[in-house]
N, C-alpha and C. Protein backbone atom coordinates (compact mmCIF):
# COMPACT_ATOMS: atom_id res chain seq x y z
N MET A 1 96.78 99.22 42.02
CA MET A 1 96.29 99.65 40.74
C MET A 1 94.60 98.35 41.29
N ASN A 2 93.91 98.62 40.61
CA ASN A 2 92.28 98.32 40.58
C ASN A 2 92.17 97.97 38.87
N ILE A 3 91.22 96.35 39.14
CA ILE A 3 90.86 95.99 38.14
C ILE A 3 89.21 95.17 37.71
N PHE A 4 88.85 95.97 36.87
CA PHE A 4 87.27 95.34 36.67
C PHE A 4 87.22 95.03 35.60
N ILE A 5 86.51 93.19 35.68
CA ILE A 5 86.91 92.31 35.15
C ILE A 5 85.31 92.21 34.07
N ILE A 6 84.90 92.42 33.30
CA ILE A 6 83.34 92.27 32.85
C ILE A 6 83.30 90.38 32.09
N ASN A 7 82.51 89.72 32.46
CA ASN A 7 82.17 88.76 32.49
C ASN A 7 80.91 88.68 31.15
N ALA A 8 81.13 88.40 30.03
CA ALA A 8 79.87 88.69 28.84
C ALA A 8 80.36 86.86 28.23
N GLY A 9 80.40 85.59 28.99
CA GLY A 9 79.70 85.10 28.79
C GLY A 9 78.38 84.05 28.51
N GLN A 10 77.72 84.92 27.69
CA GLN A 10 76.17 85.26 28.13
C GLN A 10 75.78 83.48 27.91
N THR A 11 74.10 83.52 28.82
CA THR A 11 73.84 82.30 29.05
C THR A 11 72.40 82.19 28.03
N PHE A 12 72.83 81.70 26.84
CA PHE A 12 71.24 81.61 25.51
C PHE A 12 71.94 79.90 24.71
N ALA A 13 70.76 79.62 24.45
CA ALA A 13 70.26 77.91 23.82
C ALA A 13 71.87 77.58 24.01
N HIS A 14 72.54 77.32 22.97
CA HIS A 14 73.36 76.14 23.44
C HIS A 14 73.98 76.53 24.31
N SER A 15 74.44 77.97 24.62
CA SER A 15 75.82 78.35 24.82
C SER A 15 75.17 78.39 26.95
N GLY A 16 76.11 78.40 27.21
CA GLY A 16 75.91 78.62 28.51
C GLY A 16 77.40 79.06 29.33
N GLY A 17 78.25 79.67 28.48
CA GLY A 17 78.79 80.70 28.59
C GLY A 17 80.02 80.35 29.75
N LEU A 18 80.30 79.06 29.27
CA LEU A 18 81.19 78.27 30.08
C LEU A 18 82.63 78.89 30.09
N PHE A 19 83.09 79.20 28.79
CA PHE A 19 84.59 79.19 29.04
C PHE A 19 84.61 80.01 28.95
N ASN A 20 83.87 81.57 28.71
CA ASN A 20 84.19 82.79 29.49
C ASN A 20 84.66 82.66 31.23
N ASN A 21 83.61 81.58 32.11
CA ASN A 21 83.64 81.88 32.97
C ASN A 21 84.90 81.12 33.22
N SER A 22 85.51 80.13 32.59
CA SER A 22 86.71 80.05 32.71
C SER A 22 87.94 80.78 32.45
N VAL A 23 87.89 81.75 31.33
CA VAL A 23 88.31 82.75 31.40
C VAL A 23 88.72 83.82 32.52
N THR A 24 87.44 84.25 32.43
CA THR A 24 87.78 84.86 34.09
C THR A 24 88.02 83.92 35.40
N GLU A 25 88.10 83.30 35.46
CA GLU A 25 88.60 82.67 36.89
C GLU A 25 90.21 82.63 36.39
N TRP A 26 90.90 82.23 34.94
CA TRP A 26 91.95 81.93 35.04
C TRP A 26 92.90 83.78 34.67
N THR A 27 91.75 84.67 34.99
CA THR A 27 91.75 86.00 35.08
C THR A 27 92.48 86.11 36.26
N GLN A 28 91.44 86.13 37.33
CA GLN A 28 91.27 86.03 38.93
C GLN A 28 92.26 85.33 39.27
N THR A 29 92.87 84.24 38.99
CA THR A 29 93.92 83.45 39.29
C THR A 29 95.54 84.10 39.49
N VAL A 30 95.54 85.21 38.30
CA VAL A 30 97.19 85.67 38.18
C VAL A 30 96.22 86.76 38.87
N LEU A 31 95.81 87.16 39.47
CA LEU A 31 95.57 88.64 39.81
C LEU A 31 96.10 88.56 41.25
N ASP A 32 95.04 87.13 41.89
CA ASP A 32 94.98 86.57 43.24
C ASP A 32 96.89 85.93 43.52
N LYS A 33 97.25 86.34 42.24
CA LYS A 33 97.91 85.70 42.98
C LYS A 33 99.58 86.53 42.85
N ASN A 34 98.76 88.11 42.43
CA ASN A 34 99.89 88.91 41.91
C ASN A 34 99.47 90.35 43.53
N GLN A 35 98.60 89.70 44.41
CA GLN A 35 97.93 90.51 44.94
C GLN A 35 97.29 91.56 44.49
N VAL A 36 96.17 91.33 42.99
CA VAL A 36 95.91 92.53 42.67
C VAL A 36 94.14 92.81 43.33
N ALA A 37 94.15 94.04 43.21
CA ALA A 37 92.48 94.58 43.70
C ALA A 37 91.78 94.22 42.41
N TYR A 38 90.17 93.45 42.34
CA TYR A 38 89.36 93.18 41.28
C TYR A 38 88.16 93.22 41.57
N ARG A 39 87.40 93.46 40.47
CA ARG A 39 85.76 93.49 40.90
C ARG A 39 85.85 92.48 39.64
N THR A 40 84.38 92.08 39.97
CA THR A 40 83.93 91.46 38.54
C THR A 40 82.07 91.19 38.77
N THR A 41 81.97 91.50 37.57
CA THR A 41 80.42 91.36 36.93
C THR A 41 80.11 90.84 35.87
N ASN A 42 79.00 90.01 35.95
CA ASN A 42 78.81 88.68 35.28
C ASN A 42 77.06 89.73 34.47
N ILE A 43 76.99 89.68 32.84
CA ILE A 43 76.48 89.63 32.20
C ILE A 43 75.14 89.58 32.45
N ASN A 44 74.64 88.46 33.13
CA ASN A 44 74.16 87.38 32.86
C ASN A 44 73.23 87.24 34.43
N ASP A 45 73.61 88.44 35.36
CA ASP A 45 73.43 88.66 36.65
C ASP A 45 72.57 90.05 36.68
N ASP A 46 71.26 90.19 36.95
CA ASP A 46 70.90 91.87 37.37
C ASP A 46 71.82 92.85 37.76
N TYR A 47 71.98 94.02 37.54
CA TYR A 47 72.97 94.54 37.97
C TYR A 47 71.88 96.74 38.03
N ASN A 48 73.15 97.30 38.66
CA ASN A 48 72.51 98.56 38.72
C ASN A 48 73.56 99.59 37.50
N ALA A 49 72.94 100.34 36.84
CA ALA A 49 73.86 100.56 35.86
C ALA A 49 74.61 101.46 36.40
N PHE A 50 74.10 102.52 37.55
CA PHE A 50 75.51 103.42 37.54
C PHE A 50 76.10 103.17 39.07
N ALA A 51 75.86 101.81 39.64
CA ALA A 51 76.99 101.40 40.31
C ALA A 51 77.78 100.26 39.02
N GLU A 52 77.51 100.27 38.31
CA GLU A 52 78.52 99.50 37.12
C GLU A 52 79.73 101.09 36.65
N VAL A 53 78.85 102.22 37.02
CA VAL A 53 79.27 103.25 36.24
C VAL A 53 80.49 103.12 37.25
N GLU A 54 79.93 103.22 38.90
CA GLU A 54 81.51 103.06 39.33
C GLU A 54 82.36 102.27 39.50
N ASN A 55 82.14 101.11 39.08
CA ASN A 55 83.29 100.03 39.26
C ASN A 55 84.56 100.43 38.00
N PHE A 56 83.66 101.09 36.99
CA PHE A 56 84.75 101.49 35.68
C PHE A 56 85.59 102.90 36.66
N LYS A 57 84.32 104.02 36.87
CA LYS A 57 85.91 104.81 37.91
C LYS A 57 86.69 104.50 38.85
N TRP A 58 86.10 103.51 39.72
CA TRP A 58 87.29 103.12 40.73
C TRP A 58 88.62 102.23 39.90
N ALA A 59 87.83 101.28 38.44
CA ALA A 59 89.24 100.56 37.79
C ALA A 59 90.50 101.15 37.26
N ASP A 60 91.61 101.26 36.81
CA ASP A 60 92.69 101.33 36.46
C ASP A 60 92.72 100.87 35.37
N ILE A 61 92.13 99.28 35.29
CA ILE A 61 92.21 98.50 34.05
C ILE A 61 90.91 97.96 33.89
N ILE A 62 90.40 97.80 33.12
CA ILE A 62 88.82 97.48 33.05
C ILE A 62 89.02 96.48 31.68
N ILE A 63 88.58 95.05 31.96
CA ILE A 63 89.21 93.67 30.90
C ILE A 63 87.60 93.21 30.54
N TYR A 64 87.27 93.41 29.61
CA TYR A 64 86.19 92.09 29.15
C TYR A 64 86.61 90.92 28.68
N HIS A 65 85.79 89.94 28.80
CA HIS A 65 85.68 88.91 27.95
C HIS A 65 85.06 88.29 27.79
N THR A 66 84.95 88.08 26.23
CA THR A 66 83.84 88.09 25.84
C THR A 66 83.13 87.39 24.35
N PRO A 67 82.22 86.11 23.79
CA PRO A 67 82.19 85.35 23.32
C PRO A 67 81.74 86.16 22.02
N ILE A 68 81.89 85.78 20.46
CA ILE A 68 81.47 86.43 19.24
C ILE A 68 80.84 85.37 18.75
N TRP A 69 79.38 86.62 19.05
CA TRP A 69 78.12 85.85 18.15
C TRP A 69 77.61 86.29 16.87
N TRP A 70 77.52 85.55 15.82
CA TRP A 70 77.68 86.66 14.71
C TRP A 70 78.32 87.53 14.34
N PHE A 71 79.35 87.81 14.64
CA PHE A 71 80.14 88.50 14.53
C PHE A 71 80.39 89.77 15.52
N GLN A 72 79.18 89.74 16.09
CA GLN A 72 79.41 90.50 17.26
C GLN A 72 79.29 89.94 18.87
N VAL A 73 79.73 91.11 19.78
CA VAL A 73 79.31 90.48 21.19
C VAL A 73 78.29 90.41 21.15
N PRO A 74 77.41 89.61 22.20
CA PRO A 74 76.29 88.48 22.90
C PRO A 74 75.38 90.31 23.29
N TYR A 75 73.78 90.08 22.96
CA TYR A 75 73.07 90.81 23.04
C TYR A 75 72.82 91.60 24.43
N ARG A 76 73.22 90.73 25.22
CA ARG A 76 73.25 91.08 26.75
C ARG A 76 74.72 92.06 27.16
N LEU A 77 75.78 92.07 26.51
CA LEU A 77 76.76 93.34 26.89
C LEU A 77 76.38 94.06 25.94
N LYS A 78 75.55 94.47 24.90
CA LYS A 78 75.03 95.30 24.14
C LYS A 78 74.75 95.81 24.52
N GLN A 79 73.45 95.26 25.06
CA GLN A 79 73.11 96.76 26.29
C GLN A 79 73.39 96.53 28.08
N TYR A 80 73.66 96.00 28.32
CA TYR A 80 74.87 96.05 29.70
C TYR A 80 75.71 97.30 28.78
N ILE A 81 76.23 97.43 27.75
CA ILE A 81 77.31 98.93 27.36
C ILE A 81 76.80 99.79 27.59
N ASP A 82 74.91 99.60 26.72
CA ASP A 82 74.22 100.66 26.22
C ASP A 82 73.76 101.51 27.52
N GLU A 83 73.60 100.38 28.51
CA GLU A 83 72.97 101.22 29.61
C GLU A 83 73.77 102.27 30.87
N VAL A 84 74.86 101.14 30.48
CA VAL A 84 76.05 101.66 31.60
C VAL A 84 76.86 103.22 30.91
N PHE A 85 77.19 103.02 30.04
CA PHE A 85 77.85 103.89 29.13
C PHE A 85 76.45 105.28 29.53
N THR A 86 75.42 104.82 28.51
CA THR A 86 74.43 106.04 28.89
C THR A 86 74.54 106.84 30.64
N ALA A 87 74.80 105.74 31.48
CA ALA A 87 74.54 106.37 32.76
C ALA A 87 75.99 107.01 33.06
N GLY A 88 76.97 106.81 32.39
CA GLY A 88 78.64 107.84 32.60
C GLY A 88 78.21 108.55 31.67
N HIS A 89 77.18 108.99 31.78
CA HIS A 89 77.42 110.37 30.47
C HIS A 89 77.13 112.02 31.52
N GLN A 90 78.39 112.54 31.66
CA GLN A 90 78.52 113.58 32.72
C GLN A 90 78.40 112.84 34.11
N ASN A 91 79.09 111.44 34.05
CA ASN A 91 79.54 110.56 35.37
C ASN A 91 80.32 110.10 35.61
N GLY A 92 81.56 110.75 34.85
CA GLY A 92 82.73 109.97 35.50
C GLY A 92 83.10 109.40 34.24
N MET A 93 82.67 109.12 32.97
CA MET A 93 82.50 108.26 31.78
C MET A 93 83.55 108.98 30.59
N TYR A 94 81.74 109.89 29.75
CA TYR A 94 82.41 110.87 29.11
C TYR A 94 81.55 111.91 29.31
N ALA A 95 81.91 113.28 28.99
CA ALA A 95 81.61 114.80 29.25
C ALA A 95 80.50 114.63 28.50
N SER A 96 80.84 114.81 26.46
CA SER A 96 79.72 114.76 25.70
C SER A 96 80.67 114.06 24.45
N ASP A 97 80.51 114.27 23.03
CA ASP A 97 81.23 113.88 22.33
C ASP A 97 82.23 114.95 21.35
N GLY A 98 82.65 116.09 22.34
CA GLY A 98 83.76 116.07 21.96
C GLY A 98 83.91 117.50 21.51
N ARG A 99 83.09 117.49 20.67
CA ARG A 99 83.03 118.56 19.33
C ARG A 99 82.17 120.09 20.63
N SER A 100 82.68 121.08 19.08
CA SER A 100 81.59 122.44 20.02
C SER A 100 81.15 123.23 19.44
N ARG A 101 80.42 124.05 19.08
CA ARG A 101 78.48 124.03 18.62
C ARG A 101 79.34 125.28 17.44
N LYS A 102 80.41 126.30 18.07
CA LYS A 102 81.45 126.80 17.22
C LYS A 102 82.01 126.24 15.38
N ASN A 103 82.41 124.52 15.41
CA ASN A 103 83.61 124.45 15.15
C ASN A 103 82.75 122.98 15.04
N PRO A 104 81.69 122.33 14.46
CA PRO A 104 81.29 120.99 14.55
C PRO A 104 81.90 119.98 14.35
N ALA A 105 82.37 120.72 13.37
CA ALA A 105 83.35 119.15 11.70
C ALA A 105 84.35 118.16 12.47
N ILE A 106 84.94 119.11 13.61
CA ILE A 106 86.56 118.47 13.99
C ILE A 106 85.77 118.40 15.99
N ASN A 107 87.23 117.28 16.20
CA ASN A 107 87.46 116.83 17.51
C ASN A 107 85.97 116.04 17.44
N TYR A 108 85.52 115.00 17.25
CA TYR A 108 84.55 114.27 17.23
C TYR A 108 85.37 113.22 18.56
N GLY A 109 84.64 112.84 19.18
CA GLY A 109 84.81 111.38 20.59
C GLY A 109 86.20 111.68 21.01
N THR A 110 86.58 113.17 21.12
CA THR A 110 87.51 113.30 22.70
C THR A 110 86.95 114.26 23.67
N GLY A 111 85.59 113.49 24.54
CA GLY A 111 85.40 114.32 25.05
C GLY A 111 85.24 112.58 26.07
N GLY A 112 85.94 112.32 25.72
CA GLY A 112 85.75 110.99 27.08
C GLY A 112 86.95 111.56 28.67
N LEU A 113 85.95 111.49 30.09
CA LEU A 113 86.41 111.51 30.93
C LEU A 113 87.45 110.68 31.48
N MET A 114 87.95 109.22 30.86
CA MET A 114 88.49 108.77 31.33
C MET A 114 90.32 107.92 30.79
N HIS A 115 90.74 109.38 31.06
CA HIS A 115 91.83 109.37 29.75
C HIS A 115 92.77 108.59 31.19
N GLY A 116 93.50 108.12 30.65
CA GLY A 116 94.76 107.58 31.87
C GLY A 116 94.28 106.19 32.37
N LYS A 117 92.97 105.49 31.73
CA LYS A 117 92.76 104.17 32.21
C LYS A 117 93.05 103.74 31.13
N ARG A 118 93.15 102.17 30.98
CA ARG A 118 93.46 101.47 30.54
C ARG A 118 92.47 100.38 29.99
N TYR A 119 92.20 99.68 29.01
CA TYR A 119 91.28 98.11 28.58
C TYR A 119 92.34 97.37 27.31
N MET A 120 91.44 96.27 27.66
CA MET A 120 91.53 94.91 27.19
C MET A 120 90.49 93.98 27.35
N VAL A 121 90.58 93.29 26.20
CA VAL A 121 89.77 92.50 25.64
C VAL A 121 89.31 91.23 25.21
N THR A 122 88.98 90.14 25.77
CA THR A 122 89.00 88.86 24.65
C THR A 122 88.66 88.93 24.11
N THR A 123 88.09 87.83 23.31
CA THR A 123 87.45 87.06 22.76
C THR A 123 87.27 85.79 22.75
N SER A 124 86.00 84.50 22.48
CA SER A 124 86.07 83.27 22.09
C SER A 124 85.13 83.39 21.14
N TRP A 125 86.20 82.42 19.99
CA TRP A 125 85.50 82.03 18.57
C TRP A 125 85.49 81.12 18.03
N ASN A 126 84.21 80.30 17.82
CA ASN A 126 84.11 78.95 17.10
C ASN A 126 84.70 78.98 15.48
N ALA A 127 85.46 80.44 15.16
CA ALA A 127 86.61 80.34 13.64
C ALA A 127 88.16 79.76 13.96
N PRO A 128 88.25 79.82 13.59
CA PRO A 128 90.00 79.73 14.24
C PRO A 128 90.85 80.28 13.26
N ASP A 129 91.89 80.31 13.73
CA ASP A 129 92.19 81.68 13.13
C ASP A 129 92.99 82.18 11.94
N THR A 130 93.33 80.52 11.47
CA THR A 130 93.56 80.97 9.89
C THR A 130 92.03 81.66 8.74
N ALA A 131 90.87 81.68 9.26
CA ALA A 131 89.93 81.97 8.92
C ALA A 131 89.67 83.81 8.86
N PHE A 132 90.77 84.52 9.48
CA PHE A 132 91.56 85.62 9.66
C PHE A 132 92.97 85.79 8.63
N THR A 133 92.98 84.92 8.91
CA THR A 133 94.77 84.60 7.98
C THR A 133 95.17 84.27 6.86
N LEU A 134 94.85 83.75 6.12
CA LEU A 134 94.52 82.50 5.02
C LEU A 134 94.17 83.75 4.32
N PRO A 135 94.74 83.51 2.93
CA PRO A 135 94.10 84.25 1.32
C PRO A 135 92.93 83.77 1.41
N GLY A 136 91.65 84.32 1.06
CA GLY A 136 90.60 83.40 0.27
C GLY A 136 89.46 83.13 1.75
N GLU A 137 90.24 83.39 2.22
CA GLU A 137 89.61 82.57 3.85
C GLU A 137 88.33 83.12 4.07
N PHE A 138 87.85 83.03 5.05
CA PHE A 138 86.56 84.24 5.38
C PHE A 138 86.28 85.52 6.00
N PHE A 139 87.02 85.97 6.59
CA PHE A 139 87.83 87.26 7.28
C PHE A 139 88.57 87.90 6.12
N GLU A 140 89.00 87.89 4.90
CA GLU A 140 89.77 88.11 3.94
C GLU A 140 91.22 89.36 4.54
N GLN A 141 91.72 88.24 5.75
CA GLN A 141 93.19 88.87 6.07
C GLN A 141 92.99 90.10 6.68
N HIS A 142 91.43 90.54 7.85
CA HIS A 142 91.45 91.46 8.74
C HIS A 142 91.06 90.62 10.04
N SER A 143 91.85 91.46 10.49
CA SER A 143 92.26 91.23 11.88
C SER A 143 91.14 90.67 12.53
N VAL A 144 90.53 90.07 13.74
CA VAL A 144 89.83 90.48 15.33
C VAL A 144 89.41 92.07 15.41
N ASP A 145 90.75 92.53 15.67
CA ASP A 145 91.01 94.46 15.90
C ASP A 145 90.10 95.26 15.14
N ASP A 146 91.13 94.92 13.71
CA ASP A 146 91.02 95.72 12.31
C ASP A 146 89.62 95.45 11.94
N GLY A 147 89.12 94.18 12.81
CA GLY A 147 87.51 93.92 11.71
C GLY A 147 86.61 93.83 13.05
N VAL A 148 86.35 92.69 13.32
CA VAL A 148 84.69 92.60 14.16
C VAL A 148 84.43 94.05 15.25
N LEU A 149 86.51 93.92 15.96
CA LEU A 149 86.17 94.66 16.80
C LEU A 149 86.24 96.28 16.73
N PHE A 150 86.24 96.44 15.27
CA PHE A 150 86.12 97.87 15.26
C PHE A 150 86.00 98.83 15.85
N GLY A 151 84.28 98.83 15.84
CA GLY A 151 83.70 99.21 16.37
C GLY A 151 83.83 99.71 18.01
N PHE A 152 84.36 98.43 18.64
CA PHE A 152 84.33 98.04 20.10
C PHE A 152 85.47 98.97 20.33
N HIS A 153 86.39 98.85 19.95
CA HIS A 153 87.51 99.32 20.44
C HIS A 153 86.72 101.06 19.88
N LYS A 154 86.89 101.27 19.59
CA LYS A 154 85.94 102.98 19.71
C LYS A 154 85.39 103.33 20.58
N MET A 155 84.46 102.74 20.78
CA MET A 155 83.63 102.68 22.16
C MET A 155 84.68 103.53 22.97
N ASN A 156 85.38 102.07 23.15
CA ASN A 156 86.56 102.84 24.81
C ASN A 156 86.91 103.91 24.17
N GLN A 157 87.76 103.85 22.96
CA GLN A 157 88.68 105.64 22.74
C GLN A 157 87.90 105.98 23.11
N PHE A 158 85.84 106.60 23.30
CA PHE A 158 85.50 107.43 22.96
C PHE A 158 85.41 108.12 24.75
N THR A 159 85.74 107.26 25.71
CA THR A 159 85.63 106.98 27.03
C THR A 159 87.26 107.42 27.34
N GLY A 160 88.07 107.77 25.86
CA GLY A 160 88.94 107.91 26.87
C GLY A 160 90.54 107.28 26.95
N MET A 161 90.11 105.94 27.25
CA MET A 161 90.71 104.71 27.69
C MET A 161 91.14 104.01 26.85
N ASP A 162 92.51 103.98 27.15
CA ASP A 162 93.98 103.39 25.84
C ASP A 162 93.97 101.64 25.97
N ARG A 163 94.36 100.99 25.35
CA ARG A 163 94.27 99.77 24.52
C ARG A 163 95.48 99.29 24.84
N ILE A 164 94.93 97.69 25.82
CA ILE A 164 96.30 97.42 25.69
C ILE A 164 96.30 95.50 25.08
N PRO A 165 97.22 95.00 24.45
CA PRO A 165 96.66 94.04 23.29
C PRO A 165 96.05 92.98 23.92
N GLY A 166 95.09 92.72 23.70
CA GLY A 166 94.14 91.32 23.66
C GLY A 166 94.20 90.08 23.32
N PHE A 167 93.84 89.24 23.81
CA PHE A 167 93.98 87.72 23.55
C PHE A 167 92.56 87.19 23.16
N HIS A 168 92.62 86.13 22.04
CA HIS A 168 91.81 86.03 20.98
C HIS A 168 91.64 84.32 21.04
N PHE A 169 90.86 83.54 21.33
CA PHE A 169 91.14 82.03 20.90
C PHE A 169 89.99 81.66 20.33
N HIS A 170 90.82 81.46 19.87
CA HIS A 170 89.79 80.46 18.05
C HIS A 170 89.37 79.15 18.41
N ASP A 171 88.61 78.84 17.14
CA ASP A 171 88.22 77.18 17.14
C ASP A 171 88.25 76.92 18.72
N VAL A 172 87.37 76.79 19.27
CA VAL A 172 86.88 76.49 20.91
C VAL A 172 85.65 76.15 21.12
N GLU A 173 85.22 75.76 19.92
CA GLU A 173 83.37 75.14 19.89
C GLU A 173 83.40 73.84 19.23
N LYS A 174 84.91 73.57 17.71
CA LYS A 174 84.15 72.68 17.19
C LYS A 174 85.64 71.68 16.84
N ASN A 175 86.53 72.27 18.11
CA ASN A 175 87.85 72.24 18.24
C ASN A 175 88.55 72.23 19.99
N ALA A 176 87.42 72.19 20.36
CA ALA A 176 87.61 72.38 22.00
C ALA A 176 88.18 71.08 23.23
N THR A 177 89.90 70.25 22.26
CA THR A 177 90.02 69.56 22.98
C THR A 177 91.08 70.29 24.06
N GLU A 178 90.94 69.12 25.31
CA GLU A 178 91.71 69.23 26.63
C GLU A 178 93.20 70.37 26.92
N GLU A 179 93.98 69.50 24.94
CA GLU A 179 94.81 70.18 25.06
C GLU A 179 95.06 71.27 24.27
N ARG A 180 93.76 71.54 23.75
CA ARG A 180 94.05 72.76 23.06
C ARG A 180 93.06 73.77 24.09
N ILE A 181 92.30 73.31 25.11
CA ILE A 181 92.67 74.69 26.19
C ILE A 181 93.29 74.63 27.02
N ALA A 182 93.99 73.47 27.29
CA ALA A 182 95.37 74.05 28.38
C ALA A 182 96.35 74.39 28.34
N ASN A 183 96.21 74.67 26.58
CA ASN A 183 97.83 75.47 26.24
C ASN A 183 96.95 77.04 26.41
N TYR A 184 95.92 77.06 25.83
CA TYR A 184 95.43 78.52 25.57
C TYR A 184 95.47 79.28 26.81
N ARG A 185 95.28 78.02 28.05
CA ARG A 185 95.02 78.84 29.71
C ARG A 185 96.41 79.32 29.77
N GLN A 186 97.24 78.71 29.78
CA GLN A 186 98.85 78.99 30.01
C GLN A 186 99.14 79.99 29.29
N ALA A 187 98.56 79.85 28.08
CA ALA A 187 99.41 81.53 26.87
C ALA A 187 98.66 82.11 27.93
N TYR A 188 97.10 82.05 28.48
CA TYR A 188 96.26 83.62 28.54
C TYR A 188 97.23 83.81 29.62
N MET A 189 97.83 82.84 30.16
CA MET A 189 97.71 83.39 31.71
C MET A 189 98.96 83.61 31.74
N GLU A 190 100.45 83.49 31.04
CA GLU A 190 101.30 84.33 30.77
C GLU A 190 100.72 85.70 29.79
N HIS A 191 100.16 86.57 29.11
CA HIS A 191 99.56 86.96 28.41
C HIS A 191 99.13 88.50 29.83
N VAL A 192 98.08 87.51 30.50
CA VAL A 192 97.81 88.42 31.65
C VAL A 192 99.24 88.99 32.83
N ALA A 193 99.80 88.33 32.62
CA ALA A 193 100.97 87.95 33.71
C ALA A 193 102.51 88.92 33.45
N ASN A 194 102.41 88.59 31.88
CA ASN A 194 103.41 89.40 31.08
C ASN A 194 103.36 90.79 30.72
N THR A 195 101.67 91.78 30.61
CA THR A 195 101.64 92.24 29.47
C THR A 195 100.16 93.52 30.86
N VAL A 196 99.21 92.84 31.18
CA VAL A 196 98.21 93.52 31.78
C VAL A 196 98.76 94.07 32.98
N LEU A 197 100.26 93.06 34.15
CA LEU A 197 100.78 93.66 35.04
C LEU A 197 101.88 94.51 34.47
N THR A 198 102.25 94.12 33.99
CA THR A 198 103.43 95.11 32.83
C THR A 198 103.04 96.14 33.10
N VAL A 199 101.88 96.72 32.77
CA VAL A 199 101.36 97.57 32.73
C VAL A 199 101.07 98.38 33.63
N GLU A 200 100.39 97.97 34.77
CA GLU A 200 100.64 98.76 35.77
C GLU A 200 101.32 98.84 36.78
N LYS A 201 103.02 97.68 36.28
CA LYS A 201 104.01 98.17 37.12
C LYS A 201 104.42 99.51 36.43
N GLU A 202 104.18 99.74 35.04
CA GLU A 202 105.02 100.90 34.35
C GLU A 202 104.30 102.59 34.96
N ALA A 203 102.63 101.93 34.94
CA ALA A 203 102.03 103.13 35.72
C ALA A 203 102.36 103.65 37.31
N VAL A 204 102.51 102.58 38.13
CA VAL A 204 102.84 103.00 39.21
C VAL A 204 104.07 103.56 39.08
């Protein structure tokens, strides 16, 4: 099985992308230990959109590592998605929006070509997890996946991919203690081993 990792920890202003670099390294450590083949792209680097499409086509699982900026993915990741997914049109990622001209009211979003592939996303936040879970707090009890990431998940579904449960790192700016990061590292690496690699074995 092949895994394609996209490191979207963008370098901009006070952000150096360092935490997502660490998360990418944690992922690679688990994959190396289990002798899983992988490729990695860093969205800060120059890339060829058509070459990136080949990475999507090569992979069985796509793993996105992204911070959340102003309740969206960073602009460099959005640019990467726009350019790469466009290059993937009728080139292994999606054929069309799925509709027919005879009945354009139905079947939107069913033209993907990446059926059988899966994806996972991790996000990193300054916001604590309680901002999503407690009544009266900022996100009104909407989860990351059902709220901020709703469109991101639909984007991947549009290509035909199925979702693997992700992992969200909260309060890693204002409350980024060594103990907190160490606990997250252990929990996340267990998640990769017990979720992503389990999916691989089931697929085999």
